[in-house]
């Protein structure tokens, strides 16, 4: 199982990829409800960050699929 540092590294790499290759998607990350904590002092552990990483991966996957459909 991944440790927190590896998860954070993957998040950093993925967001860097999104920022560089999909700037229009990157701009919308601030608006993504999954990135906005509900509580005033959210608990950020490995599980929370792993879930966030997976949500970023799914967001990118859906975006790429939608762009392919638009180009057809």
PDB file of N, CA and C in Angstrom:
ATOM      1  N   UNK A   1       0.843  -1.180   0.000  1.00  0.00           N
ATOM      2  CA  UNK A   1       0.000   0.000   0.000  1.00  0.00           C
ATOM      3  C   UNK A   1       0.891   1.247   0.000  1.00  0.00           C
ATOM      4  N   UNK A   2       0.422   2.252  -0.695  1.00  0.00           N
ATOM      5  CA  UNK A   2       1.218   3.473  -0.839  1.00  0.00           C
ATOM      6  C   UNK A   2       1.263   4.253   0.470  1.00  0.00           C
ATOM      7  N   UNK A   3       2.404   4.843   0.714  1.00  0.00           N
ATOM      8  CA  UNK A   3       2.460   5.721   1.878  1.00  0.00           C
ATOM      9  C   UNK A   3       2.055   7.130   1.442  1.00  0.00           C
ATOM     10  N   UNK A   4       1.819   7.982   2.394  1.00  0.00           N
ATOM     11  CA  UNK A   4       1.302   9.321   2.131  1.00  0.00           C
ATOM     12  C   UNK A   4       2.217  10.115   1.202  1.00  0.00           C
ATOM     13  N   UNK A   5       3.515  10.018   1.383  1.00  0.00           N
ATOM     14  CA  UNK A   5       4.443  10.775   0.540  1.00  0.00           C
ATOM     15  C   UNK A   5       4.311  10.389  -0.929  1.00  0.00           C
ATOM     16  N   UNK A   6       4.157   9.089  -1.207  1.00  0.00           N
ATOM     17  CA  UNK A   6       3.988   8.638  -2.591  1.00  0.00           C
ATOM     18  C   UNK A   6       2.687   9.164  -3.176  1.00  0.00           C
ATOM     19  N   UNK A   7       1.635   9.166  -2.389  1.00  0.00           N
ATOM     20  CA  UNK A   7       0.346   9.679  -2.849  1.00  0.00           C
ATOM     21  C   UNK A   7       0.460  11.168  -3.166  1.00  0.00           C
ATOM     22  N   UNK A   8       1.099  11.924  -2.276  1.00  0.00           N
ATOM     23  CA  UNK A   8       1.277  13.356  -2.511  1.00  0.00           C
ATOM     24  C   UNK A   8       2.121  13.618  -3.758  1.00  0.00           C
ATOM     25  N   UNK A   9       3.142  12.796  -3.977  1.00  0.00           N
ATOM     26  CA  UNK A   9       3.967  12.927  -5.168  1.00  0.00           C
ATOM     27  C   UNK A   9       3.139  12.676  -6.425  1.00  0.00           C
ATOM     28  N   UNK A  10       2.294  11.651  -6.387  1.00  0.00           N
ATOM     29  CA  UNK A  10       1.432  11.357  -7.539  1.00  0.00           C
ATOM     30  C   UNK A  10       0.451  12.497  -7.799  1.00  0.00           C
ATOM     31  N   UNK A  11      -0.101  13.062  -6.742  1.00  0.00           N
ATOM     32  CA  UNK A  11      -1.024  14.196  -6.888  1.00  0.00           C
ATOM     33  C   UNK A  11      -0.298  15.368  -7.546  1.00  0.00           C
ATOM     34  N   UNK A  12       0.908  15.649  -7.078  1.00  0.00           N
ATOM     35  CA  UNK A  12       1.695  16.746  -7.639  1.00  0.00           C
ATOM     36  C   UNK A  12       1.998  16.509  -9.116  1.00  0.00           C
ATOM     37  N   UNK A  13       2.397  15.304  -9.463  1.00  0.00           N
ATOM     38  CA  UNK A  13       2.706  14.981 -10.856  1.00  0.00           C
ATOM     39  C   UNK A  13       1.455  15.073 -11.733  1.00  0.00           C
ATOM     40  N   UNK A  14       0.349  14.550 -11.233  1.00  0.00           N
ATOM     41  CA  UNK A  14      -0.885  14.562 -12.015  1.00  0.00           C
ATOM     42  C   UNK A  14      -1.403  15.986 -12.211  1.00  0.00           C
ATOM     43  N   UNK A  15      -1.380  16.789 -11.166  1.00  0.00           N
ATOM     44  CA  UNK A  15      -1.847  18.166 -11.321  1.00  0.00           C
ATOM     45  C   UNK A  15      -0.901  18.954 -12.225  1.00  0.00           C
ATOM     46  N   UNK A  16       0.381  18.651 -12.181  1.00  0.00           N
ATOM     47  CA  UNK A  16       1.326  19.277 -13.107  1.00  0.00           C
ATOM     48  C   UNK A  16       1.036  18.904 -14.549  1.00  0.00           C
ATOM     49  N   UNK A  17       0.713  17.641 -14.775  1.00  0.00           N
ATOM     50  CA  UNK A  17       0.334  17.161 -16.105  1.00  0.00           C
ATOM     51  C   UNK A  17      -0.932  17.870 -16.584  1.00  0.00           C
ATOM     52  N   UNK A  18      -1.914  17.973 -15.710  1.00  0.00           N
ATOM     53  CA  UNK A  18      -3.168  18.639 -16.060  1.00  0.00           C
ATOM     54  C   UNK A  18      -2.901  20.111 -16.361  1.00  0.00           C
ATOM     55  N   UNK A  19      -2.103  20.758 -15.531  1.00  0.00           N
ATOM     56  CA  UNK A  19      -1.805  22.182 -15.733  1.00  0.00           C
ATOM     57  C   UNK A  19      -1.112  22.415 -17.074  1.00  0.00           C
ATOM     58  N   UNK A  20      -0.178  21.536 -17.426  1.00  0.00           N
ATOM     59  CA  UNK A  20       0.592  21.701 -18.657  1.00  0.00           C
ATOM     60  C   UNK A  20      -0.199  21.312 -19.902  1.00  0.00           C
ATOM     61  N   UNK A  21      -0.869  20.171 -19.840  1.00  0.00           N
ATOM     62  CA  UNK A  21      -1.496  19.618 -21.037  1.00  0.00           C
ATOM     63  C   UNK A  21      -2.990  19.901 -21.178  1.00  0.00           C
ATOM     64  N   UNK A  22      -3.635  20.249 -20.076  1.00  0.00           N
ATOM     65  CA  UNK A  22      -5.079  20.499 -20.097  1.00  0.00           C
ATOM     66  C   UNK A  22      -5.391  21.744 -19.267  1.00  0.00           C
ATOM     67  N   UNK A  23      -4.873  22.912 -19.680  1.00  0.00           N
ATOM     68  CA  UNK A  23      -5.043  24.125 -18.861  1.00  0.00           C
ATOM     69  C   UNK A  23      -6.504  24.499 -18.626  1.00  0.00           C
ATOM     70  N   UNK A  24      -7.368  24.202 -19.583  1.00  0.00           N
ATOM     71  CA  UNK A  24      -8.784  24.514 -19.394  1.00  0.00           C
ATOM     72  C   UNK A  24      -9.392  23.670 -18.283  1.00  0.00           C
ATOM     73  N   UNK A  25      -8.932  22.448 -18.125  1.00  0.00           N
ATOM     74  CA  UNK A  25      -9.384  21.591 -17.026  1.00  0.00           C
ATOM     75  C   UNK A  25      -8.748  22.045 -15.712  1.00  0.00           C
ATOM     76  N   UNK A  26      -7.484  22.425 -15.763  1.00  0.00           N
ATOM     77  CA  UNK A  26      -6.773  22.857 -14.556  1.00  0.00           C
ATOM     78  C   UNK A  26      -7.479  24.038 -13.899  1.00  0.00           C
ATOM     79  N   UNK A  27      -7.948  24.979 -14.726  1.00  0.00           N
ATOM     80  CA  UNK A  27      -8.638  26.157 -14.187  1.00  0.00           C
ATOM     81  C   UNK A  27      -9.893  25.759 -13.413  1.00  0.00           C
ATOM     82  N   UNK A  28     -10.516  24.659 -13.789  1.00  0.00           N
ATOM     83  CA  UNK A  28     -11.755  24.249 -13.125  1.00  0.00           C
ATOM     84  C   UNK A  28     -11.510  23.429 -11.855  1.00  0.00           C
ATOM     85  N   UNK A  29     -10.280  23.063 -11.569  1.00  0.00           N
ATOM     86  CA  UNK A  29     -10.013  22.261 -10.362  1.00  0.00           C
ATOM     87  C   UNK A  29     -10.423  22.999  -9.094  1.00  0.00           C
ATOM     88  N   UNK A  30     -10.279  24.313  -9.064  1.00  0.00           N
ATOM     89  CA  UNK A  30     -10.688  25.084  -7.888  1.00  0.00           C
ATOM     90  C   UNK A  30     -12.189  25.000  -7.655  1.00  0.00           C
ATOM     91  N   UNK A  31     -12.947  24.726  -8.713  1.00  0.00           N
ATOM     92  CA  UNK A  31     -14.396  24.663  -8.610  1.00  0.00           C
ATOM     93  C   UNK A  31     -14.906  23.253  -8.339  1.00  0.00           C
ATOM     94  N   UNK A  32     -14.019  22.285  -8.372  1.00  0.00           N
ATOM     95  CA  UNK A  32     -14.407  20.896  -8.171  1.00  0.00           C
ATOM     96  C   UNK A  32     -14.807  20.683  -6.712  1.00  0.00           C
ATOM     97  N   UNK A  33     -16.050  20.225  -6.472  1.00  0.00           N
ATOM     98  CA  UNK A  33     -16.495  20.036  -5.084  1.00  0.00           C
ATOM     99  C   UNK A  33     -15.627  19.058  -4.289  1.00  0.00           C
ATOM    100  N   UNK A  34     -14.953  18.143  -4.974  1.00  0.00           N
ATOM    101  CA  UNK A  34     -14.108  17.193  -4.258  1.00  0.00           C
ATOM    102  C   UNK A  34     -12.880  17.868  -3.673  1.00  0.00           C
ATOM    103  N   UNK A  35     -12.515  19.042  -4.180  1.00  0.00           N
ATOM    104  CA  UNK A  35     -11.336  19.733  -3.668  1.00  0.00           C
ATOM    105  C   UNK A  35     -11.670  20.701  -2.543  1.00  0.00           C
ATOM    106  N   UNK A  36     -12.950  20.916  -2.293  1.00  0.00           N
ATOM    107  CA  UNK A  36     -13.365  21.873  -1.274  1.00  0.00           C
ATOM    108  C   UNK A  36     -13.725  21.155   0.018  1.00  0.00           C
ATOM    109  N   UNK A  37     -12.973  21.385   1.088  1.00  0.00           N
ATOM    110  CA  UNK A  37     -13.293  20.713   2.347  1.00  0.00           C
ATOM    111  C   UNK A  37     -14.613  21.226   2.920  1.00  0.00           C
ATOM    112  N   UNK A  38     -15.375  20.329   3.501  1.00  0.00           N
ATOM    113  CA  UNK A  38     -16.665  20.679   4.090  1.00  0.00           C
ATOM    114  C   UNK A  38     -16.472  21.278   5.478  1.00  0.00           C
ATOM    115  N   UNK A  39     -15.599  20.686   6.246  1.00  0.00           N
ATOM    116  CA  UNK A  39     -15.395  21.170   7.612  1.00  0.00           C
ATOM    117  C   UNK A  39     -14.338  22.274   7.647  1.00  0.00           C
ATOM    118  N   UNK A  40     -14.362  23.019   8.729  1.00  0.00           N
ATOM    119  CA  UNK A  40     -13.424  24.132   8.891  1.00  0.00           C
ATOM    120  C   UNK A  40     -11.985  23.632   9.028  1.00  0.00           C
ATOM    121  N   UNK A  41     -11.796  22.510   9.689  1.00  0.00           N
ATOM    122  CA  UNK A  41     -10.477  21.919   9.890  1.00  0.00           C
ATOM    123  C   UNK A  41     -10.509  20.466   9.421  1.00  0.00           C
ATOM    124  N   UNK A  42     -10.425  20.257   8.103  1.00  0.00           N
ATOM    125  CA  UNK A  42     -10.542  18.887   7.582  1.00  0.00           C
ATOM    126  C   UNK A  42      -9.352  18.015   7.987  1.00  0.00           C
ATOM    127  N   UNK A  43      -9.625  16.751   8.181  1.00  0.00           N
ATOM    128  CA  UNK A  43      -8.592  15.768   8.512  1.00  0.00           C
ATOM    129  C   UNK A  43      -8.025  15.227   7.206  1.00  0.00           C
ATOM    130  N   UNK A  44      -6.748  15.447   6.964  1.00  0.00           N
ATOM    131  CA  UNK A  44      -6.111  15.012   5.725  1.00  0.00           C
ATOM    132  C   UNK A  44      -5.154  13.864   6.023  1.00  0.00           C
ATOM    133  N   UNK A  45      -5.633  12.649   5.820  1.00  0.00           N
ATOM    134  CA  UNK A  45      -4.766  11.499   6.010  1.00  0.00           C
ATOM    135  C   UNK A  45      -4.546  10.802   4.667  1.00  0.00           C
ATOM    136  N   UNK A  46      -3.874   9.675   4.706  1.00  0.00           N
ATOM    137  CA  UNK A  46      -3.548   8.951   3.480  1.00  0.00           C
ATOM    138  C   UNK A  46      -4.803   8.547   2.723  1.00  0.00           C
ATOM    139  N   UNK A  47      -5.825   8.114   3.417  1.00  0.00           N
ATOM    140  CA  UNK A  47      -7.052   7.685   2.751  1.00  0.00           C
ATOM    141  C   UNK A  47      -7.740   8.842   2.036  1.00  0.00           C
ATOM    142  N   UNK A  48      -7.799   9.981   2.688  1.00  0.00           N
ATOM    143  CA  UNK A  48      -8.414  11.165   2.085  1.00  0.00           C
ATOM    144  C   UNK A  48      -7.636  11.579   0.845  1.00  0.00           C
ATOM    145  N   UNK A  49      -6.320  11.590   0.943  1.00  0.00           N
ATOM    146  CA  UNK A  49      -5.495  12.003  -0.184  1.00  0.00           C
ATOM    147  C   UNK A  49      -5.537  10.979  -1.314  1.00  0.00           C
ATOM    148  N   UNK A  50      -5.636   9.703  -0.980  1.00  0.00           N
ATOM    149  CA  UNK A  50      -5.766   8.667  -2.007  1.00  0.00           C
ATOM    150  C   UNK A  50      -7.093   8.827  -2.740  1.00  0.00           C
ATOM    151  N   UNK A  51      -8.151   9.112  -2.005  1.00  0.00           N
ATOM    152  CA  UNK A  51      -9.453   9.368  -2.636  1.00  0.00           C
ATOM    153  C   UNK A  51      -9.381  10.579  -3.554  1.00  0.00           C
ATOM    154  N   UNK A  52      -8.703  11.619  -3.106  1.00  0.00           N
ATOM    155  CA  UNK A  52      -8.542  12.816  -3.927  1.00  0.00           C
ATOM    156  C   UNK A  52      -7.763  12.494  -5.205  1.00  0.00           C
ATOM    157  N   UNK A  53      -6.694  11.712  -5.078  1.00  0.00           N
ATOM    158  CA  UNK A  53      -5.905  11.300  -6.234  1.00  0.00           C
ATOM    159  C   UNK A  53      -6.782  10.548  -7.232  1.00  0.00           C
ATOM    160  N   UNK A  54      -7.564   9.617  -6.735  1.00  0.00           N
ATOM    161  CA  UNK A  54      -8.447   8.850  -7.610  1.00  0.00           C
ATOM    162  C   UNK A  54      -9.486   9.748  -8.282  1.00  0.00           C
ATOM    163  N   UNK A  55      -9.983  10.735  -7.549  1.00  0.00           N
ATOM    164  CA  UNK A  55     -10.967  11.651  -8.153  1.00  0.00           C
ATOM    165  C   UNK A  55     -10.317  12.478  -9.258  1.00  0.00           C
ATOM    166  N   UNK A  56      -9.064  12.882  -9.073  1.00  0.00           N
ATOM    167  CA  UNK A  56      -8.349  13.604 -10.125  1.00  0.00           C
ATOM    168  C   UNK A  56      -8.159  12.728 -11.363  1.00  0.00           C
ATOM    169  N   UNK A  57      -7.796  11.471 -11.135  1.00  0.00           N
ATOM    170  CA  UNK A  57      -7.611  10.540 -12.254  1.00  0.00           C
ATOM    171  C   UNK A  57      -8.916  10.360 -13.032  1.00  0.00           C
ATOM    172  N   UNK A  58     -10.012  10.200 -12.311  1.00  0.00           N
ATOM    173  CA  UNK A  58     -11.309  10.021 -12.964  1.00  0.00           C
ATOM    174  C   UNK A  58     -11.728  11.298 -13.706  1.00  0.00           C
ATOM    175  N   UNK A  59     -11.491  12.431 -13.101  1.00  0.00           N
ATOM    176  CA  UNK A  59     -11.817  13.703 -13.735  1.00  0.00           C
ATOM    177  C   UNK A  59     -11.055  13.858 -15.052  1.00  0.00           C
ATOM    178  N   UNK A  60      -9.771  13.558 -15.040  1.00  0.00           N
ATOM    179  CA  UNK A  60      -8.956  13.649 -16.241  1.00  0.00           C
ATOM    180  C   UNK A  60      -9.419  12.634 -17.285  1.00  0.00           C
ATOM    181  N   UNK A  61      -9.710  11.429 -16.861  1.00  0.00           N
ATOM    182  CA  UNK A  61     -10.157  10.387 -17.784  1.00  0.00           C
ATOM    183  C   UNK A  61     -11.452  10.810 -18.478  1.00  0.00           C
ATOM    184  N   UNK A  62     -12.420  11.303 -17.713  1.00  0.00           N
ATOM    185  CA  UNK A  62     -13.688  11.752 -18.304  1.00  0.00           C
ATOM    186  C   UNK A  62     -13.473  12.915 -19.261  1.00  0.00           C
ATOM    187  N   UNK A  63     -12.600  13.830 -18.860  1.00  0.00           N
ATOM    188  CA  UNK A  63     -12.330  14.989 -19.702  1.00  0.00           C
ATOM    189  C   UNK A  63     -11.734  14.561 -21.048  1.00  0.00           C
ATOM    190  N   UNK A  64     -10.740  13.685 -21.007  1.00  0.00           N
ATOM    191  CA  UNK A  64     -10.098  13.206 -22.234  1.00  0.00           C
ATOM    192  C   UNK A  64     -11.114  12.482 -23.112  1.00  0.00           C
ATOM    193  N   UNK A  65     -11.959  11.657 -22.514  1.00  0.00           N
ATOM    194  CA  UNK A  65     -12.987  10.946 -23.281  1.00  0.00           C
ATOM    195  C   UNK A  65     -13.963  11.922 -23.931  1.00  0.00           C
ATOM    196  N   UNK A  66     -14.381  12.959 -23.203  1.00  0.00           N
ATOM    197  CA  UNK A  66     -15.294  13.957 -23.753  1.00  0.00           C
ATOM    198  C   UNK A  66     -14.648  14.728 -24.899  1.00  0.00           C
ATOM    199  N   UNK A  67     -13.372  15.040 -24.757  1.00  0.00           N
ATOM    200  CA  UNK A  67     -12.672  15.757 -25.828  1.00  0.00           C
ATOM    201  C   UNK A  67     -12.563  14.902 -27.081  1.00  0.00           C
ATOM    202  N   UNK A  68     -12.346  13.594 -26.923  1.00  0.00           N
ATOM    203  CA  UNK A  68     -12.288  12.694 -28.076  1.00  0.00           C
ATOM    204  C   UNK A  68     -13.640  12.680 -28.793  1.00  0.00           C
ATOM    205  N   UNK A  69     -14.709  12.643 -28.034  1.00  0.00           N
ATOM    206  CA  UNK A  69     -16.048  12.633 -28.616  1.00  0.00           C
ATOM    207  C   UNK A  69     -16.303  13.944 -29.381  1.00  0.00           C
ATOM    208  N   UNK A  70     -15.904  15.057 -28.814  1.00  0.00           N
ATOM    209  CA  UNK A  70     -16.099  16.357 -29.466  1.00  0.00           C
ATOM    210  C   UNK A  70     -15.355  16.451 -30.795  1.00  0.00           C
ATOM    211  N   UNK A  71     -14.202  15.808 -30.873  1.00  0.00           N
ATOM    212  CA  UNK A  71     -13.375  15.898 -32.068  1.00  0.00           C
ATOM    213  C   UNK A  71     -13.857  14.972 -33.176  1.00  0.00           C
ATOM    214  N   UNK A  72     -14.747  14.060 -32.872  1.00  0.00           N
ATOM    215  CA  UNK A  72     -15.228  13.110 -33.890  1.00  0.00           C
ATOM    216  C   UNK A  72     -16.264  13.742 -34.772  1.00  0.00           C
TER     217      UNK A  72
END
